[in-house]
Amino acid sequence: MAAELKNDRRVLYLYGITESRPRDLPELIGVDRFAPVEFIDCDGVFCWISRVSADDFEESLERNMENLDWLAETSVAHQRVIAAIARQTDILPTRFGTVFRTQDSLCKHIVKRVPGLKKDFGRIKGADEWGVKVFSIQPAVSTVSKVRSGKDYLQAKAAMLPNRRSKPAARGDLIKFERALESIAAETAPVGNVSRGQRGLSFQASLLVKRSKRKRFESLLEKFARDWAQDRRIECTGPWPPYSFVSRPADKLRAK
């Protein structure tokens, strides 16, 4: 009996959309680590795609995403393509796993959204996304070598607890920090629940910052880092393509 042939139907995996086509973009390989990245002109905007297996990226996508090794490798490949294009021109990134069955269905979808896309291009032009987190520095745990009574034990435990009276002032500092960031950022975006369980996390934000204001942004972070050297640690990641600042429907796109 002849071996059953695996379905080799191809779908279009969409990475993002640009207003211009970079001339010096190096050859890129897509999320399947095989198919090259190419562009499709849809009513004057450029859609960056690669042609991938419908079985892997449509029918079996949810099951594949439960495979953490597959998900890690593929999501990194997705981000690598977007980052390479972003180094050449402003890009509106799409969510991981956005696929279309045909070029016609892709262009029909994009043409309907061109007015909104034009507004998004205006918003993100010359800007990058940055992530900022603030962590409280936990005081070193001190031990009491000689505990002779229950009273000594309770006093030692009380000394290790944070000072509740300092919380309002501390929160005021964070509000001041947040407002200073907002005065520099073109926009801020809501942050999900993924990192809220991190120990000591007291503030987080996603910011869209114009490249012309990057030095001012970095100076602000340095100032607060110095002021908070004993109490807080600032963690900043970026620059990234503006993943959090793309207008899109609430539901992730599926193949059409």
C-alpha atoms as a PDB file:
ATOM      1  CA  MET A   1       0.000   0.000   0.000  1.00  0.00           C
ATOM      2  CA  ALA A   2       1.379   3.387  -0.918  1.00  0.00           C
ATOM      3  CA  ALA A   3       2.289   5.613   1.992  1.00  0.00           C
ATOM      4  CA  GLU A   4      -0.295   8.278   2.768  1.00  0.00           C
ATOM      5  CA  LEU A   5       0.866  11.652   1.552  1.00  0.00           C
ATOM      6  CA  LYS A   6       0.892  14.446   4.088  1.00  0.00           C
ATOM      7  CA  ASN A   7      -1.283  17.429   3.240  1.00  0.00           C
ATOM      8  CA  ASP A   8       1.083  19.971   1.673  1.00  0.00           C
ATOM      9  CA  ARG A   9      -1.468  22.730   1.140  1.00  0.00           C
ATOM     10  CA  ARG A  10       0.048  26.142   1.802  1.00  0.00           C
ATOM     11  CA  VAL A  11      -1.398  29.179   3.576  1.00  0.00           C
ATOM     12  CA  LEU A  12      -0.063  32.711   3.844  1.00  0.00           C
ATOM     13  CA  TYR A  13       1.465  33.511   7.226  1.00  0.00           C
ATOM     14  CA  LEU A  14       1.322  37.275   7.803  1.00  0.00           C
ATOM     15  CA  TYR A  15       4.087  38.987   9.824  1.00  0.00           C
ATOM     16  CA  GLY A  16       3.198  42.627   9.403  1.00  0.00           C
ATOM     17  CA  ILE A  17       2.348  45.510   7.116  1.00  0.00           C
ATOM     18  CA  THR A  18       4.494  48.423   5.933  1.00  0.00           C
ATOM     19  CA  GLU A  19       3.900  51.556   3.888  1.00  0.00           C
ATOM     20  CA  SER A  20       7.158  51.193   1.978  1.00  0.00           C
ATOM     21  CA  ARG A  21       9.247  48.327   0.642  1.00  0.00           C
ATOM     22  CA  PRO A  22      12.836  48.309   1.910  1.00  0.00           C
ATOM     23  CA  ARG A  23      15.346  48.047  -0.914  1.00  0.00           C
ATOM     24  CA  ASP A  24      18.217  46.548   1.067  1.00  0.00           C
ATOM     25  CA  LEU A  25      16.293  43.982   3.104  1.00  0.00           C
ATOM     26  CA  PRO A  26      18.343  40.776   3.392  1.00  0.00           C
ATOM     27  CA  GLU A  27      16.776  37.464   2.454  1.00  0.00           C
ATOM     28  CA  LEU A  28      14.642  36.270   5.362  1.00  0.00           C
ATOM     29  CA  ILE A  29      13.395  32.791   6.236  1.00  0.00           C
ATOM     30  CA  GLY A  30       9.961  32.455   7.806  1.00  0.00           C
ATOM     31  CA  VAL A  31       8.479  30.756  10.840  1.00  0.00           C
ATOM     32  CA  ASP A  32       8.785  27.253   9.410  1.00  0.00           C
ATOM     33  CA  ARG A  33      12.558  27.813   8.980  1.00  0.00           C
ATOM     34  CA  PHE A  34      12.168  26.893   5.302  1.00  0.00           C
ATOM     35  CA  ALA A  35       9.959  29.207   3.222  1.00  0.00           C
ATOM     36  CA  PRO A  36      11.357  32.632   2.295  1.00  0.00           C
ATOM     37  CA  VAL A  37       9.640  35.841   3.395  1.00  0.00           C
ATOM     38  CA  GLU A  38       8.083  37.831   0.563  1.00  0.00           C
ATOM     39  CA  PHE A  39       5.766  40.799   0.180  1.00  0.00           C
ATOM     40  CA  ILE A  40       2.368  41.308  -1.439  1.00  0.00           C
ATOM     41  CA  ASP A  41       1.215  44.763  -2.526  1.00  0.00           C
ATOM     42  CA  CYS A  42      -2.361  45.269  -1.287  1.00  0.00           C
ATOM     43  CA  ASP A  43      -3.737  48.631  -2.395  1.00  0.00           C
ATOM     44  CA  GLY A  44      -0.466  50.451  -1.781  1.00  0.00           C
ATOM     45  CA  VAL A  45       0.543  48.815   1.489  1.00  0.00           C
ATOM     46  CA  PHE A  46       2.954  45.908   1.686  1.00  0.00           C
ATOM     47  CA  CYS A  47       2.029  42.676   3.467  1.00  0.00           C
ATOM     48  CA  TRP A  48       4.997  40.540   4.510  1.00  0.00           C
ATOM     49  CA  ILE A  49       4.237  36.831   4.328  1.00  0.00           C
ATOM     50  CA  SER A  50       5.706  33.373   3.931  1.00  0.00           C
ATOM     51  CA  ARG A  51       3.925  30.330   2.522  1.00  0.00           C
ATOM     52  CA  VAL A  52       3.652  27.712   5.245  1.00  0.00           C
ATOM     53  CA  SER A  53       2.021  24.343   5.801  1.00  0.00           C
ATOM     54  CA  ALA A  54      -1.731  24.564   6.352  1.00  0.00           C
ATOM     55  CA  ASP A  55      -1.474  21.482   8.547  1.00  0.00           C
ATOM     56  CA  ASP A  56       1.064  23.095  10.919  1.00  0.00           C
ATOM     57  CA  PHE A  57      -0.272  26.650  10.959  1.00  0.00           C
ATOM     58  CA  GLU A  58      -4.019  26.218  10.483  1.00  0.00           C
ATOM     59  CA  GLU A  59      -5.488  22.794  11.258  1.00  0.00           C
ATOM     60  CA  SER A  60      -2.966  21.839  13.955  1.00  0.00           C
ATOM     61  CA  LEU A  61      -1.945  25.285  15.223  1.00  0.00           C
ATOM     62  CA  GLU A  62      -3.656  25.020  18.620  1.00  0.00           C
ATOM     63  CA  ARG A  63      -2.179  21.588  19.245  1.00  0.00           C
ATOM     64  CA  ASN A  64       1.275  22.744  18.135  1.00  0.00           C
ATOM     65  CA  MET A  65       1.098  25.700  20.511  1.00  0.00           C
ATOM     66  CA  GLU A  66       0.797  23.252  23.398  1.00  0.00           C
ATOM     67  CA  ASN A  67       4.244  21.953  22.422  1.00  0.00           C
ATOM     68  CA  LEU A  68       6.450  24.437  24.266  1.00  0.00           C
ATOM     69  CA  ASP A  69       9.570  23.628  22.243  1.00  0.00           C
ATOM     70  CA  TRP A  70       7.728  24.216  18.960  1.00  0.00           C
ATOM     71  CA  LEU A  71       6.099  27.370  20.304  1.00  0.00           C
ATOM     72  CA  ALA A  72       9.389  28.833  21.556  1.00  0.00           C
ATOM     73  CA  GLU A  73      11.259  28.219  18.296  1.00  0.00           C
ATOM     74  CA  THR A  74       8.416  29.404  16.083  1.00  0.00           C
ATOM     75  CA  SER A  75       7.573  32.531  18.077  1.00  0.00           C
ATOM     76  CA  VAL A  76      11.257  33.542  18.064  1.00  0.00           C
ATOM     77  CA  ALA A  77      11.334  33.070  14.278  1.00  0.00           C
ATOM     78  CA  HIS A  78       8.174  35.210  14.016  1.00  0.00           C
ATOM     79  CA  GLN A  79       9.761  38.003  16.054  1.00  0.00           C
ATOM     80  CA  ARG A  80      13.050  37.745  14.171  1.00  0.00           C
ATOM     81  CA  VAL A  81      11.348  38.422  10.835  1.00  0.00           C
ATOM     82  CA  ILE A  82       9.437  41.424  12.213  1.00  0.00           C
ATOM     83  CA  ALA A  83      12.559  42.859  13.856  1.00  0.00           C
ATOM     84  CA  ALA A  84      14.559  42.556  10.610  1.00  0.00           C
ATOM     85  CA  ILE A  85      11.910  44.463   8.663  1.00  0.00           C
ATOM     86  CA  ALA A  86      11.546  47.028  11.476  1.00  0.00           C
ATOM     87  CA  ARG A  87      15.247  47.862  11.186  1.00  0.00           C
ATOM     88  CA  GLN A  88      14.555  49.038   7.629  1.00  0.00           C
ATOM     89  CA  THR A  89      11.115  50.660   7.862  1.00  0.00           C
ATOM     90  CA  ASP A  90       8.179  51.197  10.222  1.00  0.00           C
ATOM     91  CA  ILE A  91       6.035  48.080  10.486  1.00  0.00           C
ATOM     92  CA  LEU A  92       2.655  47.240  11.991  1.00  0.00           C
ATOM     93  CA  PRO A  93       3.296  43.738  13.401  1.00  0.00           C
ATOM     94  CA  THR A  94       0.571  41.115  13.364  1.00  0.00           C
ATOM     95  CA  ARG A  95      -0.098  38.593  16.077  1.00  0.00           C
ATOM     96  CA  PHE A  96       1.577  35.216  16.115  1.00  0.00           C
ATOM     97  CA  GLY A  97      -0.393  32.686  14.055  1.00  0.00           C
ATOM     98  CA  THR A  98      -2.155  35.113  11.692  1.00  0.00           C
ATOM     99  CA  VAL A  99      -2.786  33.226   8.425  1.00  0.00           C
ATOM    100  CA  PHE A 100      -4.845  33.580   5.259  1.00  0.00           C
ATOM    101  CA  ARG A 101      -5.757  30.850   2.822  1.00  0.00           C
ATOM    102  CA  THR A 102      -5.268  32.872  -0.345  1.00  0.00           C
ATOM    103  CA  GLN A 103      -3.689  36.088  -1.566  1.00  0.00           C
ATOM    104  CA  ASP A 104      -7.152  37.286  -2.595  1.00  0.00           C
ATOM    105  CA  SER A 105      -8.585  36.831   0.917  1.00  0.00           C
ATOM    106  CA  LEU A 106      -5.567  38.625   2.414  1.00  0.00           C
ATOM    107  CA  CYS A 107      -5.871  41.631   0.103  1.00  0.00           C
ATOM    108  CA  LYS A 108      -9.642  41.880   0.586  1.00  0.00           C
ATOM    109  CA  HIS A 109      -9.118  42.000   4.348  1.00  0.00           C
ATOM    110  CA  ILE A 110      -6.339  44.586   4.120  1.00  0.00           C
ATOM    111  CA  VAL A 111      -8.158  46.858   1.656  1.00  0.00           C
ATOM    112  CA  LYS A 112     -11.061  47.158   4.102  1.00  0.00           C
ATOM    113  CA  ARG A 113      -8.642  48.290   6.793  1.00  0.00           C
ATOM    114  CA  VAL A 114      -6.485  50.707   4.789  1.00  0.00           C
ATOM    115  CA  PRO A 115      -7.951  53.906   6.379  1.00  0.00           C
ATOM    116  CA  GLY A 116      -7.280  52.563   9.892  1.00  0.00           C
ATOM    117  CA  LEU A 117      -3.852  51.305   8.869  1.00  0.00           C
ATOM    118  CA  LYS A 118      -2.905  54.736   7.560  1.00  0.00           C
ATOM    119  CA  LYS A 119      -3.781  56.234  10.952  1.00  0.00           C
ATOM    120  CA  ASP A 120      -1.695  53.581  12.695  1.00  0.00           C
ATOM    121  CA  PHE A 121       1.273  54.314  10.431  1.00  0.00           C
ATOM    122  CA  GLY A 122       1.013  57.964  11.403  1.00  0.00           C
ATOM    123  CA  ARG A 123       0.968  57.055  15.105  1.00  0.00           C
ATOM    124  CA  ILE A 124       3.979  54.711  15.045  1.00  0.00           C
ATOM    125  CA  LYS A 125       6.127  56.627  12.542  1.00  0.00           C
ATOM    126  CA  GLY A 126       9.639  57.020  13.879  1.00  0.00           C
ATOM    127  CA  ALA A 127       8.767  55.326  17.179  1.00  0.00           C
ATOM    128  CA  ASP A 128       9.623  52.129  19.039  1.00  0.00           C
ATOM    129  CA  GLU A 129       7.964  50.200  21.828  1.00  0.00           C
ATOM    130  CA  TRP A 130       9.679  49.998  25.225  1.00  0.00           C
ATOM    131  CA  GLY A 131       8.753  48.031  28.302  1.00  0.00           C
ATOM    132  CA  VAL A 132       9.414  49.486  31.751  1.00  0.00           C
ATOM    133  CA  LYS A 133       9.093  47.701  35.087  1.00  0.00           C
ATOM    134  CA  VAL A 134       9.879  48.840  38.601  1.00  0.00           C
ATOM    135  CA  PHE A 135      10.740  46.327  41.309  1.00  0.00           C
ATOM    136  CA  SER A 136      10.997  46.971  45.031  1.00  0.00           C
ATOM    137  CA  ILE A 137      14.373  45.991  46.433  1.00  0.00           C
ATOM    138  CA  GLN A 138      13.746  43.582  49.259  1.00  0.00           C
ATOM    139  CA  PRO A 139      15.806  44.333  52.366  1.00  0.00           C
ATOM    140  CA  ALA A 140      18.365  41.746  53.297  1.00  0.00           C
ATOM    141  CA  VAL A 141      16.997  39.248  55.751  1.00  0.00           C
ATOM    142  CA  SER A 142      18.769  39.646  59.043  1.00  0.00           C
ATOM    143  CA  THR A 143      18.870  36.918  61.607  1.00  0.00           C
ATOM    144  CA  VAL A 144      19.022  37.306  65.330  1.00  0.00           C
ATOM    145  CA  SER A 145      21.623  34.996  66.753  1.00  0.00           C
ATOM    146  CA  LYS A 146      20.293  35.034  70.290  1.00  0.00           C
ATOM    147  CA  VAL A 147      16.543  34.651  70.784  1.00  0.00           C
ATOM    148  CA  ARG A 148      15.913  33.978  74.461  1.00  0.00           C
ATOM    149  CA  SER A 149      12.153  34.440  74.602  1.00  0.00           C
ATOM    150  CA  GLY A 150       8.973  34.690  72.578  1.00  0.00           C
ATOM    151  CA  LYS A 151       9.165  38.477  72.927  1.00  0.00           C
ATOM    152  CA  ASP A 152      12.641  38.504  71.343  1.00  0.00           C
ATOM    153  CA  TYR A 153      11.325  36.388  68.461  1.00  0.00           C
ATOM    154  CA  LEU A 154       8.333  38.695  67.784  1.00  0.00           C
ATOM    155  CA  GLN A 155      10.524  41.791  67.896  1.00  0.00           C
ATOM    156  CA  ALA A 156      12.941  40.234  65.418  1.00  0.00           C
ATOM    157  CA  LYS A 157      10.091  39.322  63.064  1.00  0.00           C
ATOM    158  CA  ALA A 158       8.616  42.830  63.305  1.00  0.00           C
ATOM    159  CA  ALA A 159      11.962  44.361  62.385  1.00  0.00           C
ATOM    160  CA  MET A 160      11.972  42.322  59.169  1.00  0.00           C
ATOM    161  CA  LEU A 161       8.543  43.558  58.010  1.00  0.00           C
ATOM    162  CA  PRO A 162       8.269  46.534  55.610  1.00  0.00           C
ATOM    163  CA  ASN A 163       7.354  49.863  57.128  1.00  0.00           C
ATOM    164  CA  ARG A 164       3.684  50.371  56.259  1.00  0.00           C
ATOM    165  CA  ARG A 165       3.848  54.097  56.982  1.00  0.00           C
ATOM    166  CA  SER A 166       6.164  54.591  54.008  1.00  0.00           C
ATOM    167  CA  LYS A 167       3.706  53.170  51.457  1.00  0.00           C
ATOM    168  CA  PRO A 168       1.754  56.373  50.613  1.00  0.00           C
ATOM    169  CA  ALA A 169       4.946  58.296  49.945  1.00  0.00           C
ATOM    170  CA  ALA A 170       6.304  55.391  47.907  1.00  0.00           C
ATOM    171  CA  ARG A 171       3.164  55.266  45.813  1.00  0.00           C
ATOM    172  CA  GLY A 172       3.449  59.000  45.256  1.00  0.00           C
ATOM    173  CA  ASP A 173       6.931  58.492  43.807  1.00  0.00           C
ATOM    174  CA  LEU A 174       5.586  55.882  41.401  1.00  0.00           C
ATOM    175  CA  ILE A 175       2.807  58.225  40.259  1.00  0.00           C
ATOM    176  CA  LYS A 176       5.408  60.927  39.663  1.00  0.00           C
ATOM    177  CA  PHE A 177       7.468  58.431  37.645  1.00  0.00           C
ATOM    178  CA  GLU A 178       4.444  57.351  35.606  1.00  0.00           C
ATOM    179  CA  ARG A 179       3.514  60.939  34.769  1.00  0.00           C
ATOM    180  CA  ALA A 180       7.087  61.733  33.745  1.00  0.00           C
ATOM    181  CA  LEU A 181       7.076  58.749  31.370  1.00  0.00           C
ATOM    182  CA  GLU A 182       3.722  59.795  29.913  1.00  0.00           C
ATOM    183  CA  SER A 183       5.088  63.279  29.219  1.00  0.00           C
ATOM    184  CA  ILE A 184       7.725  61.718  26.949  1.00  0.00           C
ATOM    185  CA  ALA A 185       5.843  58.783  25.414  1.00  0.00           C
ATOM    186  CA  ALA A 186       3.635  59.268  22.378  1.00  0.00           C
ATOM    187  CA  GLU A 187       1.280  56.638  23.828  1.00  0.00           C
ATOM    188  CA  THR A 188       1.031  54.030  26.553  1.00  0.00           C
ATOM    189  CA  ALA A 189      -0.670  50.651  26.285  1.00  0.00           C
ATOM    190  CA  PRO A 190      -2.395  48.417  28.833  1.00  0.00           C
ATOM    191  CA  VAL A 191      -0.196  45.659  30.221  1.00  0.00           C
ATOM    192  CA  GLY A 192      -1.549  42.132  30.585  1.00  0.00           C
ATOM    193  CA  ASN A 193      -1.409  39.832  33.590  1.00  0.00           C
ATOM    194  CA  VAL A 194       1.581  37.760  32.453  1.00  0.00           C
ATOM    195  CA  SER A 195       4.185  39.371  34.713  1.00  0.00           C
ATOM    196  CA  ARG A 196       2.040  40.674  37.555  1.00  0.00           C
ATOM    197  CA  GLY A 197       3.002  37.768  39.765  1.00  0.00           C
ATOM    198  CA  GLN A 198       6.694  38.676  39.683  1.00  0.00           C
ATOM    199  CA  ARG A 199       8.136  39.199  43.130  1.00  0.00           C
ATOM    200  CA  GLY A 200       8.526  42.860  44.052  1.00  0.00           C
ATOM    201  CA  LEU A 201       6.898  44.192  40.871  1.00  0.00           C
ATOM    202  CA  SER A 202       5.290  47.528  41.706  1.00  0.00           C
ATOM    203  CA  PHE A 203       4.928  49.190  38.296  1.00  0.00           C
ATOM    204  CA  GLN A 204       4.926  48.204  34.622  1.00  0.00           C
ATOM    205  CA  ALA A 205       4.079  49.930  31.366  1.00  0.00           C
ATOM    206  CA  SER A 206       4.424  49.596  27.608  1.00  0.00           C
ATOM    207  CA  LEU A 207       5.404  52.878  25.970  1.00  0.00           C
ATOM    208  CA  LEU A 208       5.556  54.122  22.407  1.00  0.00           C
ATOM    209  CA  VAL A 209       8.546  56.486  22.272  1.00  0.00           C
ATOM    210  CA  LYS A 210       9.649  58.535  19.269  1.00  0.00           C
ATOM    211  CA  ARG A 211      13.280  57.881  18.404  1.00  0.00           C
ATOM    212  CA  SER A 212      13.898  61.616  18.588  1.00  0.00           C
ATOM    213  CA  LYS A 213      13.048  61.429  22.311  1.00  0.00           C
ATOM    214  CA  ARG A 214      15.086  58.339  23.131  1.00  0.00           C
ATOM    215  CA  LYS A 215      17.883  60.237  24.901  1.00  0.00           C
ATOM    216  CA  ARG A 216      15.365  62.137  27.006  1.00  0.00           C
ATOM    217  CA  PHE A 217      13.648  58.841  27.850  1.00  0.00           C
ATOM    218  CA  GLU A 218      16.914  57.185  28.856  1.00  0.00           C
ATOM    219  CA  SER A 219      17.939  60.215  30.945  1.00  0.00           C
ATOM    220  CA  LEU A 220      14.646  60.024  32.828  1.00  0.00           C
ATOM    221  CA  LEU A 221      15.185  56.355  33.633  1.00  0.00           C
ATOM    222  CA  GLU A 222      18.747  57.059  34.785  1.00  0.00           C
ATOM    223  CA  LYS A 223      17.582  59.875  37.072  1.00  0.00           C
ATOM    224  CA  PHE A 224      14.956  57.756  38.820  1.00  0.00           C
ATOM    225  CA  ALA A 225      17.358  54.801  38.992  1.00  0.00           C
ATOM    226  CA  ARG A 226      19.820  57.006  40.897  1.00  0.00           C
ATOM    227  CA  ASP A 227      17.121  58.394  43.174  1.00  0.00           C
ATOM    228  CA  TRP A 228      15.802  54.911  43.913  1.00  0.00           C
ATOM    229  CA  ALA A 229      19.155  53.143  44.163  1.00  0.00           C
ATOM    230  CA  GLN A 230      18.453  51.898  47.691  1.00  0.00           C
ATOM    231  CA  ASP A 231      14.756  51.130  47.287  1.00  0.00           C
ATOM    232  CA  ARG A 232      13.850  50.165  43.737  1.00  0.00           C
ATOM    233  CA  ARG A 233      15.242  48.631  40.564  1.00  0.00           C
ATOM    234  CA  ILE A 234      14.128  49.750  37.088  1.00  0.00           C
ATOM    235  CA  GLU A 235      14.070  47.183  34.299  1.00  0.00           C
ATOM    236  CA  CYS A 236      13.760  48.462  30.719  1.00  0.00           C
ATOM    237  CA  THR A 237      13.443  46.332  27.563  1.00  0.00           C
ATOM    238  CA  GLY A 238      13.477  47.477  23.961  1.00  0.00           C
ATOM    239  CA  PRO A 239      13.458  48.940  21.477  1.00  0.00           C
ATOM    240  CA  TRP A 240      10.820  46.674  19.933  1.00  0.00           C
ATOM    241  CA  PRO A 241       8.499  46.955  16.954  1.00  0.00           C
ATOM    242  CA  PRO A 242       5.207  48.467  18.196  1.00  0.00           C
ATOM    243  CA  TYR A 243       3.418  45.198  19.006  1.00  0.00           C
ATOM    244  CA  SER A 244       1.159  46.815  21.608  1.00  0.00           C
ATOM    245  CA  PHE A 245       0.148  49.819  19.512  1.00  0.00           C
ATOM    246  CA  VAL A 246      -1.551  48.285  16.491  1.00  0.00           C
ATOM    247  CA  SER A 247      -5.299  48.757  16.122  1.00  0.00           C
ATOM    248  CA  ARG A 248      -6.773  45.300  15.539  1.00  0.00           C
ATOM    249  CA  PRO A 249      -9.967  43.344  16.163  1.00  0.00           C
ATOM    250  CA  ALA A 250     -10.259  41.726  19.569  1.00  0.00           C
ATOM    251  CA  ASP A 251     -10.042  38.201  18.132  1.00  0.00           C
ATOM    252  CA  LYS A 252      -6.941  36.772  16.541  1.00  0.00           C
ATOM    253  CA  LEU A 253      -7.261  36.330  12.780  1.00  0.00           C
ATOM    254  CA  ARG A 254      -7.672  32.799  11.493  1.00  0.00           C
ATOM    255  CA  ALA A 255      -7.299  31.466   7.964  1.00  0.00           C
ATOM    256  CA  LYS A 256      -9.913  32.775   5.524  1.00  0.00           C
END
